[in-house]
Amino acid sequence: MRVVGRILVTPFVGYGLAATLTAAGPPVFTPVDFPGAILTNAQGVNAQGDVVGTYNDASGQQHGFLRSGGRYRTIDFPNSRVDAPGAAITRVFGINDRGDIVGTFVDSAGRTHGFLAQVSQ
């Protein structure tokens, strides 16, 4: 009897899941292209729809970016650190719902460092 009960329940559970997925409709795609970039790579998104990632400018230099409210903002690690002067490359990988951003940067000596780039609201 237990086998029959499982067989009867399974089709109903599967049907309910399929109906839910179908009701949602097709996925919606939103292009994310940093203005003037030759390559844009989106890496993270938060509940507000803010998107972060990396882009290459026309000279091939890598920068991080934040897209919030449809506006783009470059995120480059500051050159003010004595132990890691002159960030040559900045990459951004994630953003949480508070707007805290994480990524990596490569200094002028070729060393890679992590960072947490907190966005003021």
PDB file of N, CA and C in Angstrom:
ATOM      1  N   MET A   1       0.817  -1.209   0.000  1.00  0.00           N
ATOM      2  CA  MET A   1       0.000   0.000   0.000  1.00  0.00           C
ATOM      3  C   MET A   1       0.855   1.264   0.000  1.00  0.00           C
ATOM      4  N   ARG A   2       1.947   1.254   0.656  1.00  0.00           N
ATOM      5  CA  ARG A   2       2.794   2.442   0.655  1.00  0.00           C
ATOM      6  C   ARG A   2       3.301   2.764  -0.747  1.00  0.00           C
ATOM      7  N   VAL A   3       3.604   1.800  -1.523  1.00  0.00           N
ATOM      8  CA  VAL A   3       4.089   2.012  -2.882  1.00  0.00           C
ATOM      9  C   VAL A   3       3.020   2.693  -3.725  1.00  0.00           C
ATOM     10  N   VAL A   4       1.783   2.237  -3.606  1.00  0.00           N
ATOM     11  CA  VAL A   4       0.685   2.840  -4.359  1.00  0.00           C
ATOM     12  C   VAL A   4       0.511   4.301  -3.953  1.00  0.00           C
ATOM     13  N   GLY A   5       0.592   4.592  -2.653  1.00  0.00           N
ATOM     14  CA  GLY A   5       0.440   5.967  -2.179  1.00  0.00           C
ATOM     15  C   GLY A   5       1.508   6.892  -2.753  1.00  0.00           C
ATOM     16  N   ARG A   6       2.734   6.408  -2.845  1.00  0.00           N
ATOM     17  CA  ARG A   6       3.814   7.224  -3.393  1.00  0.00           C
ATOM     18  C   ARG A   6       3.637   7.447  -4.889  1.00  0.00           C
ATOM     19  N   ILE A   7       3.189   6.443  -5.567  1.00  0.00           N
ATOM     20  CA  ILE A   7       2.987   6.571  -7.004  1.00  0.00           C
ATOM     21  C   ILE A   7       1.887   7.578  -7.306  1.00  0.00           C
ATOM     22  N   LEU A   8       0.848   7.584  -6.514  1.00  0.00           N
ATOM     23  CA  LEU A   8      -0.251   8.504  -6.749  1.00  0.00           C
ATOM     24  C   LEU A   8       0.120   9.942  -6.412  1.00  0.00           C
ATOM     25  N   VAL A   9       0.937  10.134  -5.386  1.00  0.00           N
ATOM     26  CA  VAL A   9       1.316  11.482  -4.964  1.00  0.00           C
ATOM     27  C   VAL A   9       2.311  12.096  -5.950  1.00  0.00           C
ATOM     28  N   THR A  10       3.241  11.357  -6.435  1.00  0.00           N
ATOM     29  CA  THR A  10       4.293  11.873  -7.303  1.00  0.00           C
ATOM     30  C   THR A  10       3.771  12.619  -8.531  1.00  0.00           C
ATOM     31  N   PRO A  11       2.796  12.072  -9.283  1.00  0.00           N
ATOM     32  CA  PRO A  11       2.323  12.829 -10.446  1.00  0.00           C
ATOM     33  C   PRO A  11       1.705  14.173 -10.071  1.00  0.00           C
ATOM     34  N   PHE A  12       1.022  14.239  -8.933  1.00  0.00           N
ATOM     35  CA  PHE A  12       0.401  15.497  -8.541  1.00  0.00           C
ATOM     36  C   PHE A  12       1.447  16.536  -8.135  1.00  0.00           C
ATOM     37  N   VAL A  13       2.486  16.103  -7.432  1.00  0.00           N
ATOM     38  CA  VAL A  13       3.555  17.021  -7.040  1.00  0.00           C
ATOM     39  C   VAL A  13       4.279  17.521  -8.282  1.00  0.00           C
ATOM     40  N   GLY A  14       4.624  16.625  -9.191  1.00  0.00           N
ATOM     41  CA  GLY A  14       5.293  17.023 -10.421  1.00  0.00           C
ATOM     42  C   GLY A  14       4.435  17.952 -11.261  1.00  0.00           C
ATOM     43  N   TYR A  15       3.148  17.699 -11.343  1.00  0.00           N
ATOM     44  CA  TYR A  15       2.249  18.547 -12.121  1.00  0.00           C
ATOM     45  C   TYR A  15       2.171  19.942 -11.517  1.00  0.00           C
ATOM     46  N   GLY A  16       2.108  20.018 -10.196  1.00  0.00           N
ATOM     47  CA  GLY A  16       2.047  21.322  -9.523  1.00  0.00           C
ATOM     48  C   GLY A  16       3.296  22.138  -9.772  1.00  0.00           C
ATOM     49  N   LEU A  17       4.459  21.511  -9.757  1.00  0.00           N
ATOM     50  CA  LEU A  17       5.714  22.191 -10.017  1.00  0.00           C
ATOM     51  C   LEU A  17       5.770  22.683 -11.461  1.00  0.00           C
ATOM     52  N   ALA A  18       5.364  21.852 -12.396  1.00  0.00           N
ATOM     53  CA  ALA A  18       5.362  22.251 -13.804  1.00  0.00           C
ATOM     54  C   ALA A  18       4.402  23.414 -14.035  1.00  0.00           C
ATOM     55  N   ALA A  19       3.255  23.390 -13.397  1.00  0.00           N
ATOM     56  CA  ALA A  19       2.286  24.479 -13.555  1.00  0.00           C
ATOM     57  C   ALA A  19       2.852  25.782 -13.014  1.00  0.00           C
ATOM     58  N   THR A  20       3.579  25.716 -11.902  1.00  0.00           N
ATOM     59  CA  THR A  20       4.177  26.915 -11.320  1.00  0.00           C
ATOM     60  C   THR A  20       5.242  27.485 -12.243  1.00  0.00           C
ATOM     61  N   LEU A  21       6.106  26.642 -12.778  1.00  0.00           N
ATOM     62  CA  LEU A  21       7.162  27.116 -13.670  1.00  0.00           C
ATOM     63  C   LEU A  21       6.592  27.692 -14.955  1.00  0.00           C
ATOM     64  N   THR A  22       5.565  27.063 -15.493  1.00  0.00           N
ATOM     65  CA  THR A  22       4.952  27.546 -16.729  1.00  0.00           C
ATOM     66  C   THR A  22       4.255  28.880 -16.513  1.00  0.00           C
ATOM     67  N   ALA A  23       3.609  29.059 -15.370  1.00  0.00           N
ATOM     68  CA  ALA A  23       2.881  30.295 -15.087  1.00  0.00           C
ATOM     69  C   ALA A  23       3.826  31.491 -14.989  1.00  0.00           C
ATOM     70  N   ALA A  24       5.092  31.247 -14.647  1.00  0.00           N
ATOM     71  CA  ALA A  24       6.053  32.345 -14.511  1.00  0.00           C
ATOM     72  C   ALA A  24       6.399  32.972 -15.856  1.00  0.00           C
ATOM     73  N   GLY A  25       6.227  32.250 -16.929  1.00  0.00           N
ATOM     74  CA  GLY A  25       6.507  32.781 -18.251  1.00  0.00           C
ATOM     75  C   GLY A  25       7.967  32.655 -18.617  1.00  0.00           C
ATOM     76  N   PRO A  26       8.311  33.130 -19.783  1.00  0.00           N
ATOM     77  CA  PRO A  26       9.699  33.021 -20.246  1.00  0.00           C
ATOM     78  C   PRO A  26      10.603  33.981 -19.477  1.00  0.00           C
ATOM     79  N   PRO A  27      11.904  33.681 -19.404  1.00  0.00           N
ATOM     80  CA  PRO A  27      12.826  34.580 -18.700  1.00  0.00           C
ATOM     81  C   PRO A  27      12.949  35.914 -19.432  1.00  0.00           C
ATOM     82  N   VAL A  28      13.239  36.942 -18.668  1.00  0.00           N
ATOM     83  CA  VAL A  28      13.446  38.279 -19.229  1.00  0.00           C
ATOM     84  C   VAL A  28      14.940  38.582 -19.148  1.00  0.00           C
ATOM     85  N   PHE A  29      15.548  38.971 -20.257  1.00  0.00           N
ATOM     86  CA  PHE A  29      16.964  39.293 -20.309  1.00  0.00           C
ATOM     87  C   PHE A  29      17.147  40.801 -20.368  1.00  0.00           C
ATOM     88  N   THR A  30      18.080  41.299 -19.561  1.00  0.00           N
ATOM     89  CA  THR A  30      18.416  42.721 -19.551  1.00  0.00           C
ATOM     90  C   THR A  30      19.888  42.868 -19.922  1.00  0.00           C
ATOM     91  N   PRO A  31      20.189  43.510 -21.043  1.00  0.00           N
ATOM     92  CA  PRO A  31      21.602  43.700 -21.401  1.00  0.00           C
ATOM     93  C   PRO A  31      22.323  44.557 -20.364  1.00  0.00           C
ATOM     94  N   VAL A  32      23.542  44.179 -20.048  1.00  0.00           N
ATOM     95  CA  VAL A  32      24.399  44.944 -19.142  1.00  0.00           C
ATOM     96  C   VAL A  32      25.681  45.228 -19.911  1.00  0.00           C
ATOM     97  N   ASP A  33      25.809  46.440 -20.420  1.00  0.00           N
ATOM     98  CA  ASP A  33      26.970  46.851 -21.202  1.00  0.00           C
ATOM     99  C   ASP A  33      27.469  48.189 -20.686  1.00  0.00           C
ATOM    100  N   PHE A  34      28.661  48.188 -20.074  1.00  0.00           N
ATOM    101  CA  PHE A  34      29.224  49.442 -19.594  1.00  0.00           C
ATOM    102  C   PHE A  34      29.467  50.350 -20.796  1.00  0.00           C
ATOM    103  N   PRO A  35      29.035  51.618 -20.742  1.00  0.00           N
ATOM    104  CA  PRO A  35      29.192  52.529 -21.889  1.00  0.00           C
ATOM    105  C   PRO A  35      30.651  52.665 -22.338  1.00  0.00           C
ATOM    106  N   GLY A  36      30.891  52.433 -23.623  1.00  0.00           N
ATOM    107  CA  GLY A  36      32.213  52.577 -24.197  1.00  0.00           C
ATOM    108  C   GLY A  36      33.141  51.388 -23.983  1.00  0.00           C
ATOM    109  N   ALA A  37      32.688  50.371 -23.248  1.00  0.00           N
ATOM    110  CA  ALA A  37      33.544  49.214 -22.972  1.00  0.00           C
ATOM    111  C   ALA A  37      33.620  48.292 -24.180  1.00  0.00           C
ATOM    112  N   ILE A  38      34.764  47.595 -24.299  1.00  0.00           N
ATOM    113  CA  ILE A  38      34.892  46.597 -25.354  1.00  0.00           C
ATOM    114  C   ILE A  38      34.506  45.209 -24.837  1.00  0.00           C
ATOM    115  N   LEU A  39      34.380  45.054 -23.527  1.00  0.00           N
ATOM    116  CA  LEU A  39      33.941  43.813 -22.903  1.00  0.00           C
ATOM    117  C   LEU A  39      33.295  44.145 -21.570  1.00  0.00           C
ATOM    118  N   THR A  40      32.152  43.585 -21.290  1.00  0.00           N
ATOM    119  CA  THR A  40      31.483  43.753 -20.002  1.00  0.00           C
ATOM    120  C   THR A  40      31.144  42.374 -19.472  1.00  0.00           C
ATOM    121  N   ASN A  41      31.481  42.113 -18.194  1.00  0.00           N
ATOM    122  CA  ASN A  41      31.246  40.820 -17.575  1.00  0.00           C
ATOM    123  C   ASN A  41      30.515  41.045 -16.255  1.00  0.00           C
ATOM    124  N   ALA A  42      29.206  40.815 -16.235  1.00  0.00           N
ATOM    125  CA  ALA A  42      28.422  40.947 -15.009  1.00  0.00           C
ATOM    126  C   ALA A  42      28.720  39.753 -14.106  1.00  0.00           C
ATOM    127  N   GLN A  43      28.916  40.013 -12.817  1.00  0.00           N
ATOM    128  CA  GLN A  43      29.293  38.961 -11.881  1.00  0.00           C
ATOM    129  C   GLN A  43      28.312  38.763 -10.729  1.00  0.00           C
ATOM    130  N   GLY A  44      27.615  39.799 -10.319  1.00  0.00           N
ATOM    131  CA  GLY A  44      26.742  39.667  -9.159  1.00  0.00           C
ATOM    132  C   GLY A  44      25.582  40.621  -9.222  1.00  0.00           C
ATOM    133  N   VAL A  45      24.502  40.267  -8.516  1.00  0.00           N
ATOM    134  CA  VAL A  45      23.299  41.096  -8.453  1.00  0.00           C
ATOM    135  C   VAL A  45      22.697  40.949  -7.064  1.00  0.00           C
ATOM    136  N   ASN A  46      22.107  42.013  -6.548  1.00  0.00           N
ATOM    137  CA  ASN A  46      21.445  41.932  -5.256  1.00  0.00           C
ATOM    138  C   ASN A  46      19.932  42.033  -5.429  1.00  0.00           C
ATOM    139  N   ALA A  47      19.203  42.000  -4.320  1.00  0.00           N
ATOM    140  CA  ALA A  47      17.738  42.008  -4.364  1.00  0.00           C
ATOM    141  C   ALA A  47      17.171  43.294  -4.958  1.00  0.00           C
ATOM    142  N   GLN A  48      17.914  44.392  -4.906  1.00  0.00           N
ATOM    143  CA  GLN A  48      17.458  45.661  -5.472  1.00  0.00           C
ATOM    144  C   GLN A  48      17.697  45.736  -6.983  1.00  0.00           C
ATOM    145  N   GLY A  49      18.386  44.748  -7.538  1.00  0.00           N
ATOM    146  CA  GLY A  49      18.680  44.754  -8.967  1.00  0.00           C
ATOM    147  C   GLY A  49      19.978  45.450  -9.318  1.00  0.00           C
ATOM    148  N   ASP A  50      20.771  45.836  -8.313  1.00  0.00           N
ATOM    149  CA  ASP A  50      22.086  46.418  -8.586  1.00  0.00           C
ATOM    150  C   ASP A  50      22.994  45.314  -9.121  1.00  0.00           C
ATOM    151  N   VAL A  51      23.754  45.627 -10.163  1.00  0.00           N
ATOM    152  CA  VAL A  51      24.626  44.646 -10.811  1.00  0.00           C
ATOM    153  C   VAL A  51      26.068  45.121 -10.688  1.00  0.00           C
ATOM    154  N   VAL A  52      26.986  44.189 -10.393  1.00  0.00           N
ATOM    155  CA  VAL A  52      28.415  44.497 -10.358  1.00  0.00           C
ATOM    156  C   VAL A  52      29.154  43.555 -11.285  1.00  0.00           C
ATOM    157  N   GLY A  53      30.336  43.972 -11.704  1.00  0.00           N
ATOM    158  CA  GLY A  53      31.155  43.135 -12.568  1.00  0.00           C
ATOM    159  C   GLY A  53      32.420  43.856 -12.966  1.00  0.00           C
ATOM    160  N   THR A  54      32.960  43.419 -14.090  1.00  0.00           N
ATOM    161  CA  THR A  54      34.212  43.943 -14.606  1.00  0.00           C
ATOM    162  C   THR A  54      34.023  44.339 -16.062  1.00  0.00           C
ATOM    163  N   TYR A  55      34.699  45.406 -16.485  1.00  0.00           N
ATOM    164  CA  TYR A  55      34.679  45.770 -17.898  1.00  0.00           C
ATOM    165  C   TYR A  55      36.086  46.146 -18.340  1.00  0.00           C
ATOM    166  N   ASN A  56      36.315  46.022 -19.625  1.00  0.00           N
ATOM    167  CA  ASN A  56      37.576  46.472 -20.231  1.00  0.00           C
ATOM    168  C   ASN A  56      37.277  47.722 -21.037  1.00  0.00           C
ATOM    169  N   ASP A  57      38.073  48.767 -20.807  1.00  0.00           N
ATOM    170  CA  ASP A  57      37.897  49.994 -21.581  1.00  0.00           C
ATOM    171  C   ASP A  57      38.537  49.838 -22.962  1.00  0.00           C
ATOM    172  N   ALA A  58      38.506  50.882 -23.756  1.00  0.00           N
ATOM    173  CA  ALA A  58      39.001  50.815 -25.140  1.00  0.00           C
ATOM    174  C   ALA A  58      40.485  50.454 -25.223  1.00  0.00           C
ATOM    175  N   SER A  59      41.257  50.738 -24.174  1.00  0.00           N
ATOM    176  CA  SER A  59      42.679  50.397 -24.172  1.00  0.00           C
ATOM    177  C   SER A  59      42.938  49.003 -23.610  1.00  0.00           C
ATOM    178  N   GLY A  60      41.883  48.315 -23.160  1.00  0.00           N
ATOM    179  CA  GLY A  60      42.025  46.972 -22.612  1.00  0.00           C
ATOM    180  C   GLY A  60      42.188  46.928 -21.106  1.00  0.00           C
ATOM    181  N   GLN A  61      42.230  48.087 -20.454  1.00  0.00           N
ATOM    182  CA  GLN A  61      42.374  48.159 -18.999  1.00  0.00           C
ATOM    183  C   GLN A  61      41.118  47.634 -18.312  1.00  0.00           C
ATOM    184  N   GLN A  62      41.284  46.788 -17.275  1.00  0.00           N
ATOM    185  CA  GLN A  62      40.138  46.247 -16.538  1.00  0.00           C
ATOM    186  C   GLN A  62      39.760  47.140 -15.372  1.00  0.00           C
ATOM    187  N   HIS A  63      38.447  47.318 -15.214  1.00  0.00           N
ATOM    188  CA  HIS A  63      37.873  48.108 -14.129  1.00  0.00           C
ATOM    189  C   HIS A  63      36.685  47.344 -13.564  1.00  0.00           C
ATOM    190  N   GLY A  64      36.337  47.660 -12.329  1.00  0.00           N
ATOM    191  CA  GLY A  64      35.094  47.154 -11.773  1.00  0.00           C
ATOM    192  C   GLY A  64      33.984  48.138 -12.089  1.00  0.00           C
ATOM    193  N   PHE A  65      32.727  47.666 -11.990  1.00  0.00           N
ATOM    194  CA  PHE A  65      31.608  48.586 -12.189  1.00  0.00           C
ATOM    195  C   PHE A  65      30.437  48.220 -11.303  1.00  0.00           C
ATOM    196  N   LEU A  66      29.603  49.219 -11.072  1.00  0.00           N
ATOM    197  CA  LEU A  66      28.320  49.067 -10.401  1.00  0.00           C
ATOM    198  C   LEU A  66      27.263  49.671 -11.305  1.00  0.00           C
ATOM    199  N   ARG A  67      26.196  48.914 -11.570  1.00  0.00           N
ATOM    200  CA  ARG A  67      25.034  49.439 -12.302  1.00  0.00           C
ATOM    201  C   ARG A  67      23.893  49.489 -11.301  1.00  0.00           C
ATOM    202  N   SER A  68      23.441  50.689 -10.977  1.00  0.00           N
ATOM    203  CA  SER A  68      22.387  50.882  -9.997  1.00  0.00           C
ATOM    204  C   SER A  68      21.415  51.926 -10.532  1.00  0.00           C
ATOM    205  N   GLY A  69      20.136  51.587 -10.543  1.00  0.00           N
ATOM    206  CA  GLY A  69      19.130  52.513 -11.064  1.00  0.00           C
ATOM    207  C   GLY A  69      19.342  52.840 -12.528  1.00  0.00           C
ATOM    208  N   GLY A  70      19.934  51.921 -13.281  1.00  0.00           N
ATOM    209  CA  GLY A  70      20.181  52.142 -14.702  1.00  0.00           C
ATOM    210  C   GLY A  70      21.415  52.975 -14.992  1.00  0.00           C
ATOM    211  N   ARG A  71      22.121  53.435 -13.951  1.00  0.00           N
ATOM    212  CA  ARG A  71      23.332  54.251 -14.137  1.00  0.00           C
ATOM    213  C   ARG A  71      24.567  53.434 -13.801  1.00  0.00           C
ATOM    214  N   TYR A  72      25.633  53.651 -14.550  1.00  0.00           N
ATOM    215  CA  TYR A  72      26.876  52.921 -14.359  1.00  0.00           C
ATOM    216  C   TYR A  72      27.893  53.775 -13.612  1.00  0.00           C
ATOM    217  N   ARG A  73      28.684  53.111 -12.775  1.00  0.00           N
ATOM    218  CA  ARG A  73      29.731  53.789 -12.010  1.00  0.00           C
ATOM    219  C   ARG A  73      30.981  52.910 -12.027  1.00  0.00           C
ATOM    220  N   THR A  74      32.117  53.477 -12.365  1.00  0.00           N
ATOM    221  CA  THR A  74      33.381  52.746 -12.349  1.00  0.00           C
ATOM    222  C   THR A  74      33.829  52.541 -10.912  1.00  0.00           C
ATOM    223  N   ILE A  75      34.350  51.357 -10.637  1.00  0.00           N
ATOM    224  CA  ILE A  75      34.930  51.060  -9.327  1.00  0.00           C
ATOM    225  C   ILE A  75      36.371  50.639  -9.567  1.00  0.00           C
ATOM    226  N   ASP A  76      37.302  51.510  -9.219  1.00  0.00           N
ATOM    227  CA  ASP A  76      38.731  51.216  -9.283  1.00  0.00           C
ATOM    228  C   ASP A  76      39.282  51.321  -7.874  1.00  0.00           C
ATOM    229  N   PHE A  77      40.063  50.329  -7.475  1.00  0.00           N
ATOM    230  CA  PHE A  77      40.649  50.381  -6.137  1.00  0.00           C
ATOM    231  C   PHE A  77      41.554  51.595  -6.035  1.00  0.00           C
ATOM    232  N   PRO A  78      41.447  52.363  -4.944  1.00  0.00           N
ATOM    233  CA  PRO A  78      42.254  53.589  -4.809  1.00  0.00           C
ATOM    234  C   PRO A  78      43.750  53.295  -4.794  1.00  0.00           C
ATOM    235  N   ASN A  79      44.520  54.257  -5.260  1.00  0.00           N
ATOM    236  CA  ASN A  79      45.969  54.120  -5.314  1.00  0.00           C
ATOM    237  C   ASN A  79      46.650  54.634  -4.050  1.00  0.00           C
ATOM    238  N   SER A  80      45.910  54.785  -2.953  1.00  0.00           N
ATOM    239  CA  SER A  80      46.447  55.449  -1.770  1.00  0.00           C
ATOM    240  C   SER A  80      47.133  54.510  -0.784  1.00  0.00           C
ATOM    241  N   ARG A  81      47.083  53.182  -1.002  1.00  0.00           N
ATOM    242  CA  ARG A  81      47.708  52.257  -0.053  1.00  0.00           C
ATOM    243  C   ARG A  81      49.215  52.199  -0.278  1.00  0.00           C
ATOM    244  N   VAL A  82      49.960  52.334   0.801  1.00  0.00           N
ATOM    245  CA  VAL A  82      51.420  52.283   0.720  1.00  0.00           C
ATOM    246  C   VAL A  82      51.881  50.864   0.394  1.00  0.00           C
ATOM    247  N   ASP A  83      51.218  49.842   0.978  1.00  0.00           N
ATOM    248  CA  ASP A  83      51.652  48.455   0.775  1.00  0.00           C
ATOM    249  C   ASP A  83      51.145  47.865  -0.538  1.00  0.00           C
ATOM    250  N   ALA A  84      50.269  48.566  -1.254  1.00  0.00           N
ATOM    251  CA  ALA A  84      49.749  48.078  -2.537  1.00  0.00           C
ATOM    252  C   ALA A  84      49.453  49.267  -3.444  1.00  0.00           C
ATOM    253  N   PRO A  85      50.491  50.039  -3.800  1.00  0.00           N
ATOM    254  CA  PRO A  85      50.248  51.252  -4.584  1.00  0.00           C
ATOM    255  C   PRO A  85      49.872  50.951  -6.032  1.00  0.00           C
ATOM    256  N   GLY A  86      49.089  51.804  -6.596  1.00  0.00           N
ATOM    257  CA  GLY A  86      48.791  51.750  -8.017  1.00  0.00           C
ATOM    258  C   GLY A  86      48.058  50.519  -8.493  1.00  0.00           C
ATOM    259  N   ALA A  87      46.763  50.390  -8.172  1.00  0.00           N
ATOM    260  CA  ALA A  87      45.987  49.246  -8.648  1.00  0.00           C
ATOM    261  C   ALA A  87      45.972  49.239 -10.167  1.00  0.00           C
ATOM    262  N   ALA A  88      46.555  48.193 -10.745  1.00  0.00           N
ATOM    263  CA  ALA A  88      46.624  48.084 -12.200  1.00  0.00           C
ATOM    264  C   ALA A  88      45.332  47.510 -12.768  1.00  0.00           C
ATOM    265  N   ILE A  89      44.683  46.630 -11.997  1.00  0.00           N
ATOM    266  CA  ILE A  89      43.443  45.969 -12.430  1.00  0.00           C
ATOM    267  C   ILE A  89      42.494  45.911 -11.243  1.00  0.00           C
ATOM    268  N   THR A  90      41.216  46.177 -11.464  1.00  0.00           N
ATOM    269  CA  THR A  90      40.196  45.989 -10.441  1.00  0.00           C
ATOM    270  C   THR A  90      39.124  45.085 -11.012  1.00  0.00           C
ATOM    271  N   ARG A  91      38.746  44.058 -10.240  1.00  0.00           N
ATOM    272  CA  ARG A  91      37.666  43.151 -10.628  1.00  0.00           C
ATOM    273  C   ARG A  91      36.644  43.117  -9.496  1.00  0.00           C
ATOM    274  N   VAL A  92      35.374  43.199  -9.833  1.00  0.00           N
ATOM    275  CA  VAL A  92      34.305  43.164  -8.827  1.00  0.00           C
ATOM    276  C   VAL A  92      33.484  41.899  -9.041  1.00  0.00           C
ATOM    277  N   PHE A  93      33.214  41.172  -7.935  1.00  0.00           N
ATOM    278  CA  PHE A  93      32.556  39.870  -8.046  1.00  0.00           C
ATOM    279  C   PHE A  93      31.203  39.764  -7.363  1.00  0.00           C
ATOM    280  N   GLY A  94      30.918  40.600  -6.388  1.00  0.00           N
ATOM    281  CA  GLY A  94      29.658  40.423  -5.683  1.00  0.00           C
ATOM    282  C   GLY A  94      29.191  41.675  -4.965  1.00  0.00           C
ATOM    283  N   ILE A  95      27.877  41.718  -4.704  1.00  0.00           N
ATOM    284  CA  ILE A  95      27.248  42.817  -3.976  1.00  0.00           C
ATOM    285  C   ILE A  95      26.132  42.224  -3.126  1.00  0.00           C
ATOM    286  N   ASN A  96      26.036  42.666  -1.881  1.00  0.00           N
ATOM    287  CA  ASN A  96      24.935  42.182  -1.047  1.00  0.00           C
ATOM    288  C   ASN A  96      23.799  43.200  -1.029  1.00  0.00           C
ATOM    289  N   ASP A  97      22.748  42.881  -0.303  1.00  0.00           N
ATOM    290  CA  ASP A  97      21.569  43.749  -0.295  1.00  0.00           C
ATOM    291  C   ASP A  97      21.801  45.084   0.409  1.00  0.00           C
ATOM    292  N   ARG A  98      22.872  45.198   1.193  1.00  0.00           N
ATOM    293  CA  ARG A  98      23.215  46.488   1.810  1.00  0.00           C
ATOM    294  C   ARG A  98      24.050  47.362   0.890  1.00  0.00           C
ATOM    295  N   GLY A  99      24.538  46.771  -0.208  1.00  0.00           N
ATOM    296  CA  GLY A  99      25.365  47.532  -1.148  1.00  0.00           C
ATOM    297  C   GLY A  99      26.850  47.334  -0.956  1.00  0.00           C
ATOM    298  N   ASP A 100      27.252  46.427  -0.046  1.00  0.00           N
ATOM    299  CA  ASP A 100      28.669  46.131   0.146  1.00  0.00           C
ATOM    300  C   ASP A 100      29.172  45.352  -1.066  1.00  0.00           C
ATOM    301  N   ILE A 101      30.307  45.750  -1.596  1.00  0.00           N
ATOM    302  CA  ILE A 101      30.866  45.166  -2.811  1.00  0.00           C
ATOM    303  C   ILE A 101      32.195  44.496  -2.479  1.00  0.00           C
ATOM    304  N   VAL A 102      32.418  43.313  -3.079  1.00  0.00           N
ATOM    305  CA  VAL A 102      33.680  42.602  -2.896  1.00  0.00           C
ATOM    306  C   VAL A 102      34.327  42.348  -4.245  1.00  0.00           C
ATOM    307  N   GLY A 103      35.650  42.285  -4.227  1.00  0.00           N
ATOM    308  CA  GLY A 103      36.375  42.016  -5.458  1.00  0.00           C
ATOM    309  C   GLY A 103      37.853  41.839  -5.192  1.00  0.00           C
ATOM    310  N   THR A 104      38.626  41.939  -6.257  1.00  0.00           N
ATOM    311  CA  THR A 104      40.076  41.848  -6.155  1.00  0.00           C
ATOM    312  C   THR A 104      40.707  42.975  -6.956  1.00  0.00           C
ATOM    313  N   PHE A 105      41.947  43.294  -6.604  1.00  0.00           N
ATOM    314  CA  PHE A 105      42.722  44.235  -7.413  1.00  0.00           C
ATOM    315  C   PHE A 105      44.145  43.735  -7.497  1.00  0.00           C
ATOM    316  N   VAL A 106      44.796  44.064  -8.578  1.00  0.00           N
ATOM    317  CA  VAL A 106      46.194  43.696  -8.796  1.00  0.00           C
ATOM    318  C   VAL A 106      47.008  44.972  -8.697  1.00  0.00           C
ATOM    319  N   ASP A 107      48.008  44.966  -7.805  1.00  0.00           N
ATOM    320  CA  ASP A 107      48.825  46.169  -7.645  1.00  0.00           C
ATOM    321  C   ASP A 107      49.891  46.243  -8.735  1.00  0.00           C
ATOM    322  N   SER A 108      50.668  47.329  -8.729  1.00  0.00           N
ATOM    323  CA  SER A 108      51.660  47.556  -9.778  1.00  0.00           C
ATOM    324  C   SER A 108      52.791  46.537  -9.741  1.00  0.00           C
ATOM    325  N   ALA A 109      52.937  45.814  -8.634  1.00  0.00           N
ATOM    326  CA  ALA A 109      53.961  44.772  -8.527  1.00  0.00           C
ATOM    327  C   ALA A 109      53.430  43.408  -8.966  1.00  0.00           C
ATOM    328  N   GLY A 110      52.149  43.359  -9.360  1.00  0.00           N
ATOM    329  CA  GLY A 110      51.566  42.103  -9.826  1.00  0.00           C
ATOM    330  C   GLY A 110      50.935  41.251  -8.744  1.00  0.00           C
ATOM    331  N   ARG A 111      50.875  41.758  -7.510  1.00  0.00           N
ATOM    332  CA  ARG A 111      50.251  41.011  -6.415  1.00  0.00           C
ATOM    333  C   ARG A 111      48.742  41.241  -6.418  1.00  0.00           C
ATOM    334  N   THR A 112      47.977  40.176  -6.149  1.00  0.00           N
ATOM    335  CA  THR A 112      46.519  40.262  -6.119  1.00  0.00           C
ATOM    336  C   THR A 112      46.045  40.369  -4.679  1.00  0.00           C
ATOM    337  N   HIS A 113      45.112  41.263  -4.433  1.00  0.00           N
ATOM    338  CA  HIS A 113      44.554  41.510  -3.104  1.00  0.00           C
ATOM    339  C   HIS A 113      43.036  41.480  -3.195  1.00  0.00           C
ATOM    340  N   GLY A 114      42.386  41.136  -2.109  1.00  0.00           N
ATOM    341  CA  GLY A 114      40.932  41.227  -2.043  1.00  0.00           C
ATOM    342  C   GLY A 114      40.517  42.548  -1.428  1.00  0.00           C
ATOM    343  N   PHE A 115      39.280  42.968  -1.679  1.00  0.00           N
ATOM    344  CA  PHE A 115      38.778  44.169  -1.019  1.00  0.00           C
ATOM    345  C   PHE A 115      37.271  44.063  -0.769  1.00  0.00           C
ATOM    346  N   LEU A 116      36.813  44.880   0.163  1.00  0.00           N
ATOM    347  CA  LEU A 116      35.395  45.103   0.440  1.00  0.00           C
ATOM    348  C   LEU A 116      35.178  46.594   0.227  1.00  0.00           C
ATOM    349  N   ALA A 117      34.494  47.087  -1.126  1.00  0.00           N
ATOM    350  CA  ALA A 117      34.256  48.439  -1.573  1.00  0.00           C
ATOM    351  C   ALA A 117      32.866  48.835  -1.188  1.00  0.00           C
ATOM    352  N   GLN A 118      32.561  49.396   0.361  1.00  0.00           N
ATOM    353  CA  GLN A 118      31.257  49.713   0.944  1.00  0.00           C
ATOM    354  C   GLN A 118      30.731  50.979   0.285  1.00  0.00           C
ATOM    355  N   VAL A 119      29.577  50.848  -0.349  1.00  0.00           N
ATOM    356  CA  VAL A 119      28.956  51.947  -1.082  1.00  0.00           C
ATOM    357  C   VAL A 119      28.129  52.778  -0.124  1.00  0.00           C
ATOM    358  N   SER A 120      28.373  54.089  -0.072  1.00  0.00           N
ATOM    359  CA  SER A 120      27.578  54.950   0.792  1.00  0.00           C
ATOM    360  C   SER A 120      26.210  55.159   0.132  1.00  0.00           C
ATOM    361  N   GLN A 121      25.190  55.060   0.931  1.00  0.00           N
ATOM    362  CA  GLN A 121      23.821  55.176   0.427  1.00  0.00           C
ATOM    363  C   GLN A 121      23.342  56.608   0.488  1.00  0.00           C
TER     364      GLN A 121
END
